[in-house]
Amino acid sequence: MDINELMKQAQQMQGKMAEMQAQAASAEVTGESGAGMVKVVMTGRHDVRKVTLDPSLMQEEKEFLEDLLAAAVNDAVRKVEAQSKDALSKMTGGLDLPAGFKMPF
């Protein structure tokens, strides 16, 4: 394969990766806990945009609320990671990359 063609393909992949990262950063997921009584909206950059608590939870103890909030945040993080993995898989054409693999761009 011609080195110029290889460089061209690498640049195209870099452009696709940058586009994917921008889309992932602006995408939002909702993590939940307590059967939906606590909801956390998080971006692809792991920024929390919104926290929603069911009014019935206001009567609960502080520690219980903290546990539910932590569980909802963790759920959102897992969803962001799954969404990122799925997007990367689509970009690489289903090529199974090793865990923790980072593109060199």
N, C-alpha and C. Protein backbone atom coordinates (compact mmCIF):
# COMPACT_ATOMS: atom_id res chain seq x y z
N MET A 1 0.84 -1.18 0.00
CA MET A 1 0.00 0.00 0.00
C MET A 1 0.89 1.24 0.00
N ASP A 2 0.47 2.23 -0.74
CA ASP A 2 1.18 3.49 -0.86
C ASP A 2 1.14 4.26 0.46
N ILE A 3 2.26 4.81 0.90
CA ILE A 3 2.34 5.55 2.16
C ILE A 3 1.43 6.78 2.14
N ASN A 4 1.29 7.41 0.98
CA ASN A 4 0.42 8.58 0.87
C ASN A 4 -1.04 8.18 1.10
N GLU A 5 -1.41 7.03 0.56
CA GLU A 5 -2.79 6.54 0.77
C GLU A 5 -3.02 6.20 2.23
N LEU A 6 -2.02 5.61 2.85
CA LEU A 6 -2.10 5.28 4.27
C LEU A 6 -2.26 6.54 5.12
N MET A 7 -1.51 7.58 4.81
CA MET A 7 -1.61 8.85 5.53
C MET A 7 -2.98 9.48 5.33
N LYS A 8 -3.50 9.38 4.12
CA LYS A 8 -4.82 9.93 3.82
C LYS A 8 -5.89 9.22 4.66
N GLN A 9 -5.79 7.90 4.75
CA GLN A 9 -6.74 7.13 5.55
C GLN A 9 -6.63 7.49 7.03
N ALA A 10 -5.41 7.70 7.50
CA ALA A 10 -5.21 8.08 8.90
C ALA A 10 -5.83 9.44 9.18
N GLN A 11 -5.71 10.38 8.26
CA GLN A 11 -6.31 11.70 8.43
C GLN A 11 -7.83 11.62 8.42
N GLN A 12 -8.38 10.77 7.56
CA GLN A 12 -9.82 10.59 7.52
C GLN A 12 -10.33 10.01 8.84
N MET A 13 -9.60 9.02 9.36
CA MET A 13 -9.99 8.41 10.63
C MET A 13 -9.90 9.43 11.76
N GLN A 14 -8.89 10.28 11.72
CA GLN A 14 -8.73 11.32 12.73
C GLN A 14 -9.92 12.27 12.68
N GLY A 15 -10.35 12.64 11.49
CA GLY A 15 -11.51 13.52 11.35
C GLY A 15 -12.78 12.87 11.87
N LYS A 16 -12.95 11.59 11.56
CA LYS A 16 -14.12 10.86 12.06
C LYS A 16 -14.10 10.76 13.58
N MET A 17 -12.90 10.53 14.14
CA MET A 17 -12.77 10.43 15.59
C MET A 17 -13.12 11.76 16.26
N ALA A 18 -12.66 12.87 15.69
CA ALA A 18 -12.97 14.18 16.26
C ALA A 18 -14.47 14.45 16.21
N GLU A 19 -15.09 14.07 15.11
CA GLU A 19 -16.54 14.24 14.97
C GLU A 19 -17.29 13.38 15.99
N MET A 20 -16.84 12.14 16.15
CA MET A 20 -17.47 11.24 17.11
C MET A 20 -17.33 11.78 18.54
N GLN A 21 -16.15 12.31 18.87
CA GLN A 21 -15.94 12.86 20.20
C GLN A 21 -16.84 14.06 20.46
N ALA A 22 -17.02 14.90 19.46
CA ALA A 22 -17.91 16.06 19.61
C ALA A 22 -19.35 15.61 19.81
N GLN A 23 -19.79 14.62 19.05
CA GLN A 23 -21.14 14.11 19.21
C GLN A 23 -21.33 13.46 20.57
N ALA A 24 -20.34 12.70 21.00
CA ALA A 24 -20.43 12.02 22.30
C ALA A 24 -20.47 13.03 23.43
N ALA A 25 -19.71 14.10 23.31
CA ALA A 25 -19.66 15.11 24.36
C ALA A 25 -21.01 15.82 24.52
N SER A 26 -21.72 15.99 23.43
CA SER A 26 -23.00 16.70 23.51
C SER A 26 -24.18 15.77 23.77
N ALA A 27 -23.99 14.47 23.59
CA ALA A 27 -25.08 13.51 23.83
C ALA A 27 -25.39 13.45 25.32
N GLU A 28 -26.62 13.17 25.65
CA GLU A 28 -27.04 13.06 27.05
C GLU A 28 -27.65 11.70 27.32
N VAL A 29 -27.40 11.19 28.51
CA VAL A 29 -28.01 9.95 28.98
C VAL A 29 -28.66 10.24 30.32
N THR A 30 -29.59 9.39 30.71
CA THR A 30 -30.24 9.54 32.01
C THR A 30 -29.98 8.28 32.83
N GLY A 31 -29.34 8.47 33.98
CA GLY A 31 -29.12 7.39 34.93
C GLY A 31 -30.23 7.44 35.97
N GLU A 32 -30.65 6.28 36.43
CA GLU A 32 -31.74 6.21 37.39
C GLU A 32 -31.41 5.27 38.54
N SER A 33 -32.10 5.52 39.66
CA SER A 33 -32.04 4.59 40.79
C SER A 33 -33.36 4.70 41.54
N GLY A 34 -33.57 3.76 42.45
CA GLY A 34 -34.81 3.78 43.23
C GLY A 34 -36.04 3.69 42.36
N ALA A 35 -35.99 2.82 41.35
CA ALA A 35 -37.11 2.63 40.43
C ALA A 35 -37.53 3.94 39.77
N GLY A 36 -36.53 4.76 39.42
CA GLY A 36 -36.80 6.02 38.73
C GLY A 36 -37.09 7.19 39.65
N MET A 37 -36.97 6.98 40.95
CA MET A 37 -37.24 8.08 41.89
C MET A 37 -36.12 9.12 41.89
N VAL A 38 -34.92 8.70 41.48
CA VAL A 38 -33.80 9.62 41.32
C VAL A 38 -33.30 9.49 39.89
N LYS A 39 -33.17 10.63 39.20
CA LYS A 39 -32.70 10.63 37.83
C LYS A 39 -31.58 11.66 37.70
N VAL A 40 -30.54 11.26 36.97
CA VAL A 40 -29.40 12.13 36.72
C VAL A 40 -29.18 12.18 35.21
N VAL A 41 -29.20 13.39 34.65
CA VAL A 41 -28.91 13.58 33.23
C VAL A 41 -27.44 13.98 33.13
N MET A 42 -26.69 13.21 32.31
CA MET A 42 -25.25 13.41 32.19
C MET A 42 -24.87 13.48 30.71
N THR A 43 -23.88 14.31 30.40
CA THR A 43 -23.38 14.41 29.03
C THR A 43 -22.32 13.34 28.80
N GLY A 44 -21.92 13.23 27.56
CA GLY A 44 -20.86 12.30 27.20
C GLY A 44 -19.51 12.65 27.81
N ARG A 45 -19.38 13.87 28.32
CA ARG A 45 -18.16 14.28 29.00
C ARG A 45 -18.25 14.06 30.51
N HIS A 46 -19.30 13.38 30.93
CA HIS A 46 -19.55 13.08 32.34
C HIS A 46 -19.93 14.32 33.14
N ASP A 47 -20.43 15.36 32.47
CA ASP A 47 -20.94 16.53 33.18
C ASP A 47 -22.39 16.27 33.56
N VAL A 48 -22.72 16.46 34.82
CA VAL A 48 -24.10 16.28 35.27
C VAL A 48 -24.87 17.54 34.92
N ARG A 49 -25.93 17.39 34.14
CA ARG A 49 -26.76 18.53 33.71
C ARG A 49 -27.95 18.77 34.61
N LYS A 50 -28.50 17.66 35.14
CA LYS A 50 -29.73 17.80 35.91
C LYS A 50 -29.88 16.64 36.86
N VAL A 51 -30.40 16.91 38.04
CA VAL A 51 -30.73 15.89 39.03
C VAL A 51 -32.20 16.08 39.38
N THR A 52 -32.97 15.00 39.31
CA THR A 52 -34.39 15.05 39.64
C THR A 52 -34.67 14.06 40.77
N LEU A 53 -35.30 14.56 41.82
CA LEU A 53 -35.67 13.72 42.96
C LEU A 53 -37.18 13.68 43.08
N ASP A 54 -37.74 12.50 43.23
CA ASP A 54 -39.17 12.36 43.46
C ASP A 54 -39.50 13.06 44.79
N PRO A 55 -40.55 13.84 44.83
CA PRO A 55 -40.90 14.56 46.06
C PRO A 55 -41.07 13.66 47.29
N SER A 56 -41.46 12.42 47.08
CA SER A 56 -41.66 11.52 48.21
C SER A 56 -40.35 11.22 48.93
N LEU A 57 -39.23 11.43 48.27
CA LEU A 57 -37.93 11.16 48.88
C LEU A 57 -37.53 12.22 49.91
N MET A 58 -38.19 13.33 49.92
CA MET A 58 -37.82 14.41 50.84
C MET A 58 -38.03 14.01 52.30
N GLN A 59 -38.77 12.95 52.53
CA GLN A 59 -39.02 12.48 53.89
C GLN A 59 -37.98 11.44 54.34
N GLU A 60 -37.11 11.05 53.42
CA GLU A 60 -36.13 10.00 53.72
C GLU A 60 -34.90 10.57 54.42
N GLU A 61 -34.13 9.68 55.00
CA GLU A 61 -32.91 10.09 55.68
C GLU A 61 -31.84 10.47 54.66
N LYS A 62 -30.96 11.33 55.11
CA LYS A 62 -29.89 11.86 54.26
C LYS A 62 -29.05 10.75 53.64
N GLU A 63 -28.64 9.77 54.39
CA GLU A 63 -27.79 8.70 53.90
C GLU A 63 -28.48 7.90 52.78
N PHE A 64 -29.78 7.69 52.93
CA PHE A 64 -30.54 6.96 51.91
C PHE A 64 -30.54 7.76 50.61
N LEU A 65 -30.77 9.06 50.69
CA LEU A 65 -30.76 9.92 49.50
C LEU A 65 -29.38 9.93 48.84
N GLU A 66 -28.34 9.98 49.67
CA GLU A 66 -26.99 9.98 49.13
C GLU A 66 -26.70 8.69 48.37
N ASP A 67 -27.15 7.56 48.91
CA ASP A 67 -26.96 6.27 48.24
C ASP A 67 -27.70 6.22 46.91
N LEU A 68 -28.94 6.71 46.89
CA LEU A 68 -29.71 6.73 45.65
C LEU A 68 -29.07 7.64 44.61
N LEU A 69 -28.58 8.78 45.05
CA LEU A 69 -27.94 9.71 44.13
C LEU A 69 -26.66 9.10 43.54
N ALA A 70 -25.85 8.48 44.40
CA ALA A 70 -24.63 7.83 43.92
C ALA A 70 -24.96 6.72 42.92
N ALA A 71 -25.99 5.95 43.19
CA ALA A 71 -26.38 4.87 42.29
C ALA A 71 -26.85 5.43 40.94
N ALA A 72 -27.58 6.53 40.95
CA ALA A 72 -28.06 7.14 39.70
C ALA A 72 -26.89 7.69 38.89
N VAL A 73 -25.93 8.32 39.56
CA VAL A 73 -24.74 8.83 38.86
C VAL A 73 -23.95 7.67 38.26
N ASN A 74 -23.77 6.60 39.02
CA ASN A 74 -23.05 5.43 38.51
C ASN A 74 -23.76 4.82 37.31
N ASP A 75 -25.08 4.79 37.35
CA ASP A 75 -25.85 4.26 36.23
C ASP A 75 -25.63 5.13 34.99
N ALA A 76 -25.63 6.43 35.17
CA ALA A 76 -25.39 7.34 34.04
C ALA A 76 -23.99 7.15 33.48
N VAL A 77 -22.99 7.01 34.35
CA VAL A 77 -21.62 6.80 33.89
C VAL A 77 -21.53 5.53 33.05
N ARG A 78 -22.15 4.45 33.52
CA ARG A 78 -22.13 3.19 32.76
C ARG A 78 -22.78 3.37 31.39
N LYS A 79 -23.86 4.14 31.34
CA LYS A 79 -24.53 4.37 30.06
C LYS A 79 -23.67 5.20 29.12
N VAL A 80 -22.98 6.20 29.64
CA VAL A 80 -22.08 7.01 28.81
C VAL A 80 -20.97 6.13 28.25
N GLU A 81 -20.39 5.30 29.10
CA GLU A 81 -19.30 4.42 28.66
C GLU A 81 -19.79 3.43 27.59
N ALA A 82 -20.98 2.88 27.78
CA ALA A 82 -21.53 1.95 26.80
C ALA A 82 -21.80 2.66 25.47
N GLN A 83 -22.31 3.87 25.56
CA GLN A 83 -22.59 4.65 24.36
C GLN A 83 -21.29 4.97 23.61
N SER A 84 -20.24 5.32 24.34
CA SER A 84 -18.95 5.62 23.73
C SER A 84 -18.36 4.37 23.07
N LYS A 85 -18.46 3.25 23.76
CA LYS A 85 -17.93 2.00 23.21
C LYS A 85 -18.67 1.61 21.94
N ASP A 86 -19.99 1.79 21.94
CA ASP A 86 -20.80 1.46 20.77
C ASP A 86 -20.42 2.36 19.60
N ALA A 87 -20.24 3.66 19.85
CA ALA A 87 -19.87 4.59 18.79
C ALA A 87 -18.50 4.25 18.22
N LEU A 88 -17.55 3.90 19.08
CA LEU A 88 -16.22 3.54 18.62
C LEU A 88 -16.27 2.25 17.80
N SER A 89 -17.08 1.32 18.23
CA SER A 89 -17.23 0.06 17.51
C SER A 89 -17.78 0.30 16.11
N LYS A 90 -18.75 1.20 16.00
CA LYS A 90 -19.32 1.52 14.69
C LYS A 90 -18.27 2.18 13.80
N MET A 91 -17.46 3.06 14.39
CA MET A 91 -16.45 3.77 13.61
C MET A 91 -15.36 2.82 13.11
N THR A 92 -15.00 1.86 13.92
CA THR A 92 -13.93 0.94 13.54
C THR A 92 -14.46 -0.27 12.77
N GLY A 93 -15.73 -0.23 12.43
CA GLY A 93 -16.32 -1.31 11.65
C GLY A 93 -16.43 -2.60 12.41
N GLY A 94 -16.62 -2.52 13.72
CA GLY A 94 -16.77 -3.71 14.54
C GLY A 94 -15.46 -4.35 14.94
N LEU A 95 -14.33 -3.73 14.58
CA LEU A 95 -13.03 -4.25 14.97
C LEU A 95 -12.95 -4.26 16.48
N ASP A 96 -12.69 -5.40 17.06
CA ASP A 96 -12.64 -5.53 18.52
C ASP A 96 -11.29 -5.07 19.03
N LEU A 97 -11.24 -3.85 19.57
CA LEU A 97 -9.98 -3.30 20.08
C LEU A 97 -9.78 -3.73 21.52
N PRO A 98 -8.54 -3.86 21.94
CA PRO A 98 -8.27 -4.26 23.33
C PRO A 98 -8.82 -3.25 24.33
N ALA A 99 -9.18 -3.72 25.52
CA ALA A 99 -9.70 -2.84 26.57
C ALA A 99 -8.67 -1.76 26.87
N GLY A 100 -9.14 -0.53 26.98
CA GLY A 100 -8.26 0.58 27.30
C GLY A 100 -7.49 1.12 26.11
N PHE A 101 -7.74 0.58 24.91
CA PHE A 101 -7.02 1.04 23.72
C PHE A 101 -7.40 2.48 23.42
N LYS A 102 -6.40 3.30 23.18
CA LYS A 102 -6.62 4.71 22.84
C LYS A 102 -6.10 4.94 21.43
N MET A 103 -6.91 5.63 20.64
CA MET A 103 -6.46 5.95 19.30
C MET A 103 -5.27 6.91 19.42
N PRO A 104 -4.29 6.82 18.51
CA PRO A 104 -3.09 7.65 18.61
C PRO A 104 -3.27 9.08 18.14
N PHE A 105 -4.44 9.51 17.86
CA PHE A 105 -4.64 10.86 17.34
C PHE A 105 -4.97 11.80 18.44
